[in-house]
Amino acid sequence: MAREHLRNGHHLDGESSNGHANGRISEQDLRAWLDAYGRAWRAREPLEAASLFSEDASYQITPSPFAEPLRGRDAILSYWVQATIQHREVHFDYEVLAVAERTGIARWSALMSERGLELKVDGILVVSLTEDKRCCELREWWSGEDAASG
């Protein structure tokens, strides 16, 4: 019998097409992952950030949720090197909104300095974790502006 697929590559029975089983995560698991993500960003440590992802992870980023996501830890590492190289004095905070099965949703905010400007960013993350608590899929939507303008 053929399996029905959701558009994002997840089977209706909860197993993703990249082979990760549907292990449940807790709010504490999500918080631990987000804390490590924030530490990596504050420290501007792309290797530390990349280590939070499975080898075959996907990472869908703003500005286009319709673009092909980054695929694999190496692509995520390259993105983090470029995305965070100019960030200074990063303050990262989050609020867990929901946890279901192996996926968590959080609202996050950051205040940082980049090229002499103070920036504020607000976003939403949808994170799916493997049984070993590495991210196998991250989708995020965010918006930012000069902190002085608002």
N, C-alpha and C. Protein backbone atom coordinates (compact mmCIF):
# COMPACT_ATOMS: atom_id res chain seq x y z
N MET A 1 0.85 -1.17 0.00
CA MET A 1 0.00 0.00 0.00
C MET A 1 0.89 1.24 0.00
N ALA A 2 0.58 2.21 -0.83
CA ALA A 2 1.37 3.43 -0.93
C ALA A 2 1.12 4.32 0.28
N ARG A 3 2.18 5.00 0.73
CA ARG A 3 2.05 5.91 1.87
C ARG A 3 1.71 7.30 1.36
N GLU A 4 0.83 7.96 2.05
CA GLU A 4 0.52 9.34 1.71
C GLU A 4 1.57 10.24 2.34
N HIS A 5 1.96 11.29 1.63
CA HIS A 5 2.97 12.22 2.13
C HIS A 5 2.37 13.60 2.32
N LEU A 6 2.82 14.26 3.35
CA LEU A 6 2.55 15.68 3.50
C LEU A 6 3.55 16.44 2.65
N ARG A 7 3.29 17.67 2.35
CA ARG A 7 4.14 18.45 1.46
C ARG A 7 5.56 18.61 1.99
N ASN A 8 5.77 18.71 3.29
CA ASN A 8 7.10 18.94 3.84
C ASN A 8 7.91 17.66 3.99
N GLY A 9 7.45 16.55 3.44
CA GLY A 9 8.22 15.33 3.45
C GLY A 9 7.93 14.41 4.62
N HIS A 10 6.93 14.69 5.41
CA HIS A 10 6.59 13.83 6.53
C HIS A 10 5.45 12.90 6.12
N HIS A 11 5.57 11.67 6.49
CA HIS A 11 4.49 10.71 6.26
C HIS A 11 3.37 10.98 7.25
N LEU A 12 2.17 10.63 6.87
CA LEU A 12 1.04 10.85 7.75
C LEU A 12 1.14 10.02 9.03
N ASP A 13 1.92 8.95 9.02
CA ASP A 13 2.06 8.15 10.23
C ASP A 13 3.12 8.71 11.17
N GLY A 14 3.73 9.86 10.82
CA GLY A 14 4.65 10.53 11.73
C GLY A 14 6.11 10.29 11.46
N GLU A 15 6.46 9.40 10.54
CA GLU A 15 7.87 9.17 10.24
C GLU A 15 8.26 10.04 9.06
N SER A 16 9.37 10.76 9.17
CA SER A 16 9.78 11.65 8.09
C SER A 16 10.40 10.84 6.97
N SER A 17 10.41 11.42 5.77
CA SER A 17 10.98 10.74 4.62
C SER A 17 12.49 10.64 4.71
N ASN A 18 13.14 11.37 5.62
CA ASN A 18 14.59 11.23 5.77
C ASN A 18 14.95 10.20 6.83
N GLY A 19 13.98 9.38 7.24
CA GLY A 19 14.26 8.22 8.06
C GLY A 19 14.25 8.44 9.55
N HIS A 20 13.92 9.60 10.05
CA HIS A 20 13.91 9.82 11.49
C HIS A 20 12.60 9.35 12.09
N ALA A 21 12.71 8.53 13.09
CA ALA A 21 11.52 8.02 13.77
C ALA A 21 10.84 9.13 14.54
N ASN A 22 9.60 8.92 14.85
CA ASN A 22 8.80 9.92 15.54
C ASN A 22 8.93 9.75 17.05
N GLY A 23 10.13 9.94 17.60
CA GLY A 23 10.32 9.92 19.04
C GLY A 23 9.76 11.18 19.64
N ARG A 24 9.13 11.06 20.78
CA ARG A 24 8.57 12.25 21.44
C ARG A 24 9.66 13.08 22.10
N ILE A 25 9.47 14.38 22.09
CA ILE A 25 10.36 15.28 22.82
C ILE A 25 9.53 15.99 23.88
N SER A 26 10.21 16.48 24.88
CA SER A 26 9.53 17.23 25.94
C SER A 26 9.83 18.72 25.77
N GLU A 27 9.11 19.53 26.51
CA GLU A 27 9.41 20.96 26.52
C GLU A 27 10.84 21.19 27.02
N GLN A 28 11.26 20.40 27.99
CA GLN A 28 12.63 20.50 28.50
C GLN A 28 13.66 20.20 27.40
N ASP A 29 13.39 19.20 26.56
CA ASP A 29 14.29 18.88 25.44
C ASP A 29 14.40 20.07 24.49
N LEU A 30 13.25 20.67 24.18
CA LEU A 30 13.25 21.83 23.28
C LEU A 30 14.00 22.99 23.91
N ARG A 31 13.77 23.24 25.19
CA ARG A 31 14.47 24.33 25.87
C ARG A 31 15.98 24.10 25.88
N ALA A 32 16.41 22.87 26.12
CA ALA A 32 17.84 22.56 26.12
C ALA A 32 18.43 22.83 24.74
N TRP A 33 17.71 22.46 23.68
CA TRP A 33 18.20 22.69 22.32
C TRP A 33 18.27 24.20 22.04
N LEU A 34 17.22 24.93 22.39
CA LEU A 34 17.20 26.38 22.16
C LEU A 34 18.28 27.09 22.98
N ASP A 35 18.53 26.64 24.21
CA ASP A 35 19.59 27.22 25.01
C ASP A 35 20.95 27.04 24.32
N ALA A 36 21.20 25.84 23.79
CA ALA A 36 22.46 25.57 23.09
C ALA A 36 22.56 26.39 21.80
N TYR A 37 21.45 26.54 21.10
CA TYR A 37 21.39 27.36 19.88
C TYR A 37 21.75 28.81 20.21
N GLY A 38 21.15 29.33 21.29
CA GLY A 38 21.45 30.70 21.72
C GLY A 38 22.90 30.87 22.14
N ARG A 39 23.45 29.89 22.86
CA ARG A 39 24.87 29.96 23.27
C ARG A 39 25.78 30.00 22.05
N ALA A 40 25.49 29.16 21.06
CA ALA A 40 26.31 29.13 19.84
C ALA A 40 26.23 30.47 19.11
N TRP A 41 25.06 31.07 19.07
CA TRP A 41 24.89 32.35 18.39
C TRP A 41 25.62 33.45 19.15
N ARG A 42 25.43 33.51 20.45
CA ARG A 42 26.11 34.55 21.25
C ARG A 42 27.62 34.44 21.12
N ALA A 43 28.13 33.22 21.09
CA ALA A 43 29.58 33.00 21.01
C ALA A 43 30.09 33.07 19.57
N ARG A 44 29.18 33.19 18.62
CA ARG A 44 29.53 33.18 17.19
C ARG A 44 30.41 31.96 16.89
N GLU A 45 29.88 30.80 17.24
CA GLU A 45 30.56 29.52 17.07
C GLU A 45 29.80 28.65 16.07
N PRO A 46 30.06 28.83 14.77
CA PRO A 46 29.34 28.05 13.76
C PRO A 46 29.48 26.54 13.92
N LEU A 47 30.65 26.06 14.34
CA LEU A 47 30.82 24.62 14.54
C LEU A 47 29.92 24.10 15.66
N GLU A 48 29.81 24.89 16.72
CA GLU A 48 28.92 24.52 17.83
C GLU A 48 27.47 24.50 17.35
N ALA A 49 27.10 25.50 16.56
CA ALA A 49 25.73 25.55 16.03
C ALA A 49 25.47 24.35 15.12
N ALA A 50 26.39 24.06 14.22
CA ALA A 50 26.20 22.95 13.28
C ALA A 50 26.09 21.62 14.01
N SER A 51 26.76 21.49 15.14
CA SER A 51 26.72 20.23 15.89
C SER A 51 25.33 19.95 16.47
N LEU A 52 24.47 20.95 16.50
CA LEU A 52 23.11 20.78 17.00
C LEU A 52 22.19 20.11 15.98
N PHE A 53 22.70 19.91 14.74
CA PHE A 53 21.90 19.39 13.64
C PHE A 53 22.38 18.00 13.24
N SER A 54 21.45 17.18 12.77
CA SER A 54 21.81 15.87 12.25
C SER A 54 22.54 16.05 10.91
N GLU A 55 23.25 15.02 10.49
CA GLU A 55 24.03 15.10 9.24
C GLU A 55 23.16 15.46 8.04
N ASP A 56 21.92 14.99 8.03
CA ASP A 56 21.04 15.19 6.88
C ASP A 56 19.93 16.21 7.15
N ALA A 57 20.15 17.09 8.10
CA ALA A 57 19.13 18.07 8.50
C ALA A 57 18.78 19.02 7.36
N SER A 58 17.57 19.56 7.44
CA SER A 58 17.16 20.64 6.53
C SER A 58 16.94 21.89 7.37
N TYR A 59 17.22 23.06 6.77
CA TYR A 59 17.15 24.34 7.48
C TYR A 59 16.52 25.33 6.52
N GLN A 60 15.25 25.65 6.75
CA GLN A 60 14.49 26.58 5.92
C GLN A 60 14.55 27.96 6.55
N ILE A 61 15.09 28.92 5.86
CA ILE A 61 15.31 30.24 6.45
C ILE A 61 14.54 31.34 5.72
N THR A 62 14.30 32.41 6.43
CA THR A 62 13.79 33.63 5.85
C THR A 62 14.91 34.17 4.96
N PRO A 63 14.73 34.82 3.88
CA PRO A 63 13.54 35.58 3.54
C PRO A 63 12.51 34.82 2.72
N SER A 64 12.82 33.65 2.20
CA SER A 64 11.84 32.99 1.35
C SER A 64 11.50 31.60 1.86
N PRO A 65 10.32 31.45 2.44
CA PRO A 65 9.91 30.12 2.87
C PRO A 65 9.62 29.19 1.69
N PHE A 66 9.64 29.74 0.46
CA PHE A 66 9.37 28.93 -0.72
C PHE A 66 10.65 28.46 -1.41
N ALA A 67 11.79 28.99 -0.98
CA ALA A 67 13.06 28.56 -1.54
C ALA A 67 13.42 27.18 -1.01
N GLU A 68 14.29 26.50 -1.72
CA GLU A 68 14.76 25.19 -1.28
C GLU A 68 15.54 25.36 0.03
N PRO A 69 15.26 24.53 1.04
CA PRO A 69 15.99 24.66 2.31
C PRO A 69 17.46 24.25 2.16
N LEU A 70 18.27 24.72 3.08
CA LEU A 70 19.63 24.20 3.18
C LEU A 70 19.52 22.73 3.55
N ARG A 71 20.42 21.93 3.01
CA ARG A 71 20.37 20.49 3.30
C ARG A 71 21.74 20.00 3.75
N GLY A 72 21.78 19.39 4.92
CA GLY A 72 22.99 18.80 5.45
C GLY A 72 23.74 19.73 6.39
N ARG A 73 24.46 19.11 7.31
CA ARG A 73 25.20 19.86 8.34
C ARG A 73 26.23 20.79 7.73
N ASP A 74 26.91 20.38 6.64
CA ASP A 74 27.92 21.24 6.02
C ASP A 74 27.31 22.52 5.47
N ALA A 75 26.13 22.43 4.84
CA ALA A 75 25.45 23.62 4.33
C ALA A 75 25.02 24.53 5.47
N ILE A 76 24.58 23.93 6.57
CA ILE A 76 24.16 24.72 7.74
C ILE A 76 25.37 25.42 8.35
N LEU A 77 26.49 24.73 8.42
CA LEU A 77 27.73 25.33 8.91
C LEU A 77 28.12 26.53 8.05
N SER A 78 28.10 26.37 6.74
CA SER A 78 28.45 27.48 5.83
C SER A 78 27.52 28.67 6.04
N TYR A 79 26.23 28.41 6.18
CA TYR A 79 25.28 29.47 6.42
C TYR A 79 25.61 30.21 7.72
N TRP A 80 25.87 29.46 8.79
CA TRP A 80 26.16 30.08 10.08
C TRP A 80 27.44 30.90 10.04
N VAL A 81 28.45 30.45 9.32
CA VAL A 81 29.68 31.23 9.19
C VAL A 81 29.36 32.58 8.59
N GLN A 82 28.60 32.60 7.50
CA GLN A 82 28.28 33.85 6.81
C GLN A 82 27.27 34.71 7.59
N ALA A 83 26.27 34.07 8.16
CA ALA A 83 25.18 34.81 8.80
C ALA A 83 25.59 35.48 10.10
N THR A 84 26.55 34.90 10.81
CA THR A 84 26.87 35.43 12.14
C THR A 84 28.20 36.15 12.22
N ILE A 85 28.94 36.22 11.13
CA ILE A 85 30.30 36.78 11.17
C ILE A 85 30.32 38.23 11.67
N GLN A 86 29.29 39.01 11.36
CA GLN A 86 29.25 40.42 11.76
C GLN A 86 28.47 40.66 13.05
N HIS A 87 27.86 39.64 13.61
CA HIS A 87 27.05 39.82 14.83
C HIS A 87 27.95 40.02 16.05
N ARG A 88 27.60 40.99 16.87
CA ARG A 88 28.29 41.26 18.12
C ARG A 88 27.24 41.45 19.20
N GLU A 89 27.62 41.17 20.44
CA GLU A 89 26.76 41.41 21.59
C GLU A 89 25.33 40.88 21.37
N VAL A 90 25.24 39.63 21.00
CA VAL A 90 23.94 39.01 20.73
C VAL A 90 23.23 38.67 22.04
N HIS A 91 22.00 39.10 22.16
CA HIS A 91 21.12 38.75 23.27
C HIS A 91 19.97 37.95 22.66
N PHE A 92 19.86 36.70 23.02
CA PHE A 92 18.87 35.79 22.46
C PHE A 92 17.90 35.34 23.54
N ASP A 93 16.63 35.38 23.24
CA ASP A 93 15.61 34.93 24.18
C ASP A 93 14.55 34.17 23.39
N TYR A 94 13.78 33.36 24.07
CA TYR A 94 12.74 32.60 23.39
C TYR A 94 11.60 32.30 24.36
N GLU A 95 10.48 31.93 23.77
CA GLU A 95 9.30 31.48 24.51
C GLU A 95 8.78 30.24 23.80
N VAL A 96 8.73 29.12 24.48
CA VAL A 96 8.18 27.90 23.89
C VAL A 96 6.67 28.07 23.75
N LEU A 97 6.18 27.84 22.54
CA LEU A 97 4.75 27.98 22.27
C LEU A 97 4.03 26.63 22.28
N ALA A 98 4.71 25.59 21.79
CA ALA A 98 4.07 24.28 21.72
C ALA A 98 5.11 23.19 21.51
N VAL A 99 4.79 22.00 21.99
CA VAL A 99 5.59 20.81 21.74
C VAL A 99 4.61 19.68 21.47
N ALA A 100 4.81 18.99 20.37
CA ALA A 100 3.96 17.85 20.03
C ALA A 100 4.80 16.81 19.31
N GLU A 101 4.71 15.57 19.77
CA GLU A 101 5.47 14.47 19.18
C GLU A 101 6.96 14.80 19.21
N ARG A 102 7.57 15.07 18.06
CA ARG A 102 9.01 15.37 18.00
C ARG A 102 9.29 16.80 17.54
N THR A 103 8.25 17.63 17.52
CA THR A 103 8.38 18.98 16.99
C THR A 103 8.01 20.02 18.05
N GLY A 104 8.79 21.08 18.09
CA GLY A 104 8.52 22.19 18.99
C GLY A 104 8.42 23.49 18.21
N ILE A 105 7.65 24.41 18.74
CA ILE A 105 7.49 25.74 18.14
C ILE A 105 7.85 26.76 19.20
N ALA A 106 8.67 27.71 18.82
CA ALA A 106 9.07 28.76 19.76
C ALA A 106 9.10 30.11 19.06
N ARG A 107 8.73 31.12 19.80
CA ARG A 107 8.93 32.50 19.37
C ARG A 107 10.28 32.91 19.94
N TRP A 108 11.10 33.56 19.13
CA TRP A 108 12.40 33.98 19.61
C TRP A 108 12.62 35.45 19.27
N SER A 109 13.53 36.05 20.02
CA SER A 109 13.91 37.44 19.74
C SER A 109 15.41 37.58 19.99
N ALA A 110 15.98 38.53 19.29
CA ALA A 110 17.41 38.79 19.46
C ALA A 110 17.65 40.28 19.32
N LEU A 111 18.60 40.75 20.07
CA LEU A 111 19.10 42.11 19.97
C LEU A 111 20.59 41.97 19.77
N MET A 112 21.14 42.65 18.77
CA MET A 112 22.55 42.49 18.46
C MET A 112 23.09 43.72 17.76
N SER A 113 24.39 43.77 17.71
CA SER A 113 25.08 44.80 16.96
C SER A 113 25.63 44.16 15.68
N GLU A 114 25.42 44.84 14.56
CA GLU A 114 25.94 44.35 13.29
C GLU A 114 26.38 45.55 12.47
N ARG A 115 27.68 45.58 12.16
CA ARG A 115 28.27 46.68 11.38
C ARG A 115 27.94 48.05 11.99
N GLY A 116 28.00 48.11 13.31
CA GLY A 116 27.78 49.37 14.01
C GLY A 116 26.33 49.73 14.26
N LEU A 117 25.39 48.94 13.78
CA LEU A 117 23.97 49.20 14.01
C LEU A 117 23.44 48.25 15.08
N GLU A 118 22.53 48.76 15.89
CA GLU A 118 21.83 47.90 16.84
C GLU A 118 20.59 47.36 16.14
N LEU A 119 20.49 46.05 16.05
CA LEU A 119 19.38 45.41 15.36
C LEU A 119 18.52 44.63 16.34
N LYS A 120 17.21 44.62 16.09
CA LYS A 120 16.33 43.74 16.83
C LYS A 120 15.62 42.84 15.82
N VAL A 121 15.50 41.59 16.21
CA VAL A 121 14.93 40.57 15.33
C VAL A 121 13.91 39.79 16.14
N ASP A 122 12.80 39.45 15.52
CA ASP A 122 11.76 38.67 16.16
C ASP A 122 11.35 37.57 15.19
N GLY A 123 11.19 36.35 15.69
CA GLY A 123 10.86 35.27 14.77
C GLY A 123 10.17 34.09 15.42
N ILE A 124 9.85 33.14 14.57
CA ILE A 124 9.24 31.87 14.97
C ILE A 124 10.11 30.75 14.42
N LEU A 125 10.37 29.75 15.25
CA LEU A 125 11.11 28.55 14.85
C LEU A 125 10.18 27.35 14.99
N VAL A 126 10.24 26.46 14.02
CA VAL A 126 9.61 25.15 14.11
C VAL A 126 10.76 24.16 14.01
N VAL A 127 10.99 23.40 15.06
CA VAL A 127 12.15 22.53 15.17
C VAL A 127 11.70 21.09 15.40
N SER A 128 12.21 20.18 14.57
CA SER A 128 11.98 18.75 14.80
C SER A 128 13.29 18.13 15.24
N LEU A 129 13.23 17.37 16.33
CA LEU A 129 14.43 16.77 16.90
C LEU A 129 14.40 15.25 16.74
N THR A 130 15.59 14.69 16.55
CA THR A 130 15.75 13.24 16.48
C THR A 130 15.76 12.69 17.89
N GLU A 131 15.83 11.38 18.01
CA GLU A 131 15.87 10.76 19.33
C GLU A 131 17.11 11.18 20.12
N ASP A 132 18.21 11.51 19.42
CA ASP A 132 19.42 11.97 20.13
C ASP A 132 19.43 13.49 20.31
N LYS A 133 18.27 14.11 20.10
CA LYS A 133 18.02 15.54 20.36
C LYS A 133 18.81 16.46 19.43
N ARG A 134 19.12 15.98 18.23
CA ARG A 134 19.68 16.86 17.19
C ARG A 134 18.53 17.29 16.29
N CYS A 135 18.65 18.47 15.75
CA CYS A 135 17.61 18.98 14.86
C CYS A 135 17.73 18.31 13.49
N CYS A 136 16.63 17.74 13.02
CA CYS A 136 16.61 17.15 11.68
C CYS A 136 15.87 18.06 10.71
N GLU A 137 15.09 19.00 11.24
CA GLU A 137 14.39 19.95 10.39
C GLU A 137 14.14 21.23 11.18
N LEU A 138 14.54 22.36 10.60
CA LEU A 138 14.28 23.67 11.21
C LEU A 138 13.67 24.55 10.14
N ARG A 139 12.56 25.16 10.50
CA ARG A 139 11.94 26.17 9.63
C ARG A 139 11.80 27.42 10.47
N GLU A 140 12.19 28.55 9.91
CA GLU A 140 12.07 29.79 10.68
C GLU A 140 11.59 30.93 9.80
N TRP A 141 10.90 31.82 10.47
CA TRP A 141 10.42 33.04 9.85
C TRP A 141 10.80 34.16 10.79
N TRP A 142 11.45 35.19 10.28
CA TRP A 142 11.85 36.27 11.16
C TRP A 142 11.82 37.61 10.42
N SER A 143 11.78 38.65 11.19
CA SER A 143 11.82 40.00 10.67
C SER A 143 12.71 40.82 11.60
N GLY A 144 13.45 41.73 11.02
CA GLY A 144 14.33 42.56 11.83
C GLY A 144 14.30 44.01 11.41
N GLU A 145 14.76 44.85 12.33
CA GLU A 145 14.86 46.27 12.02
C GLU A 145 15.92 46.91 12.91
N ASP A 146 16.33 48.10 12.55
CA ASP A 146 17.24 48.89 13.35
C ASP A 146 16.56 49.17 14.69
N ALA A 147 17.22 48.84 15.78
CA ALA A 147 16.62 49.01 17.10
C ALA A 147 16.26 50.47 17.39
N ALA A 148 16.99 51.40 16.78
CA ALA A 148 16.73 52.82 17.02
C ALA A 148 15.44 53.27 16.35
N SER A 149 14.94 52.53 15.35
CA SER A 149 13.75 52.97 14.63
C SER A 149 12.46 52.55 15.29
N GLY A 150 12.51 51.72 16.29
CA GLY A 150 11.24 51.32 16.88
C GLY A 150 11.40 50.93 18.25
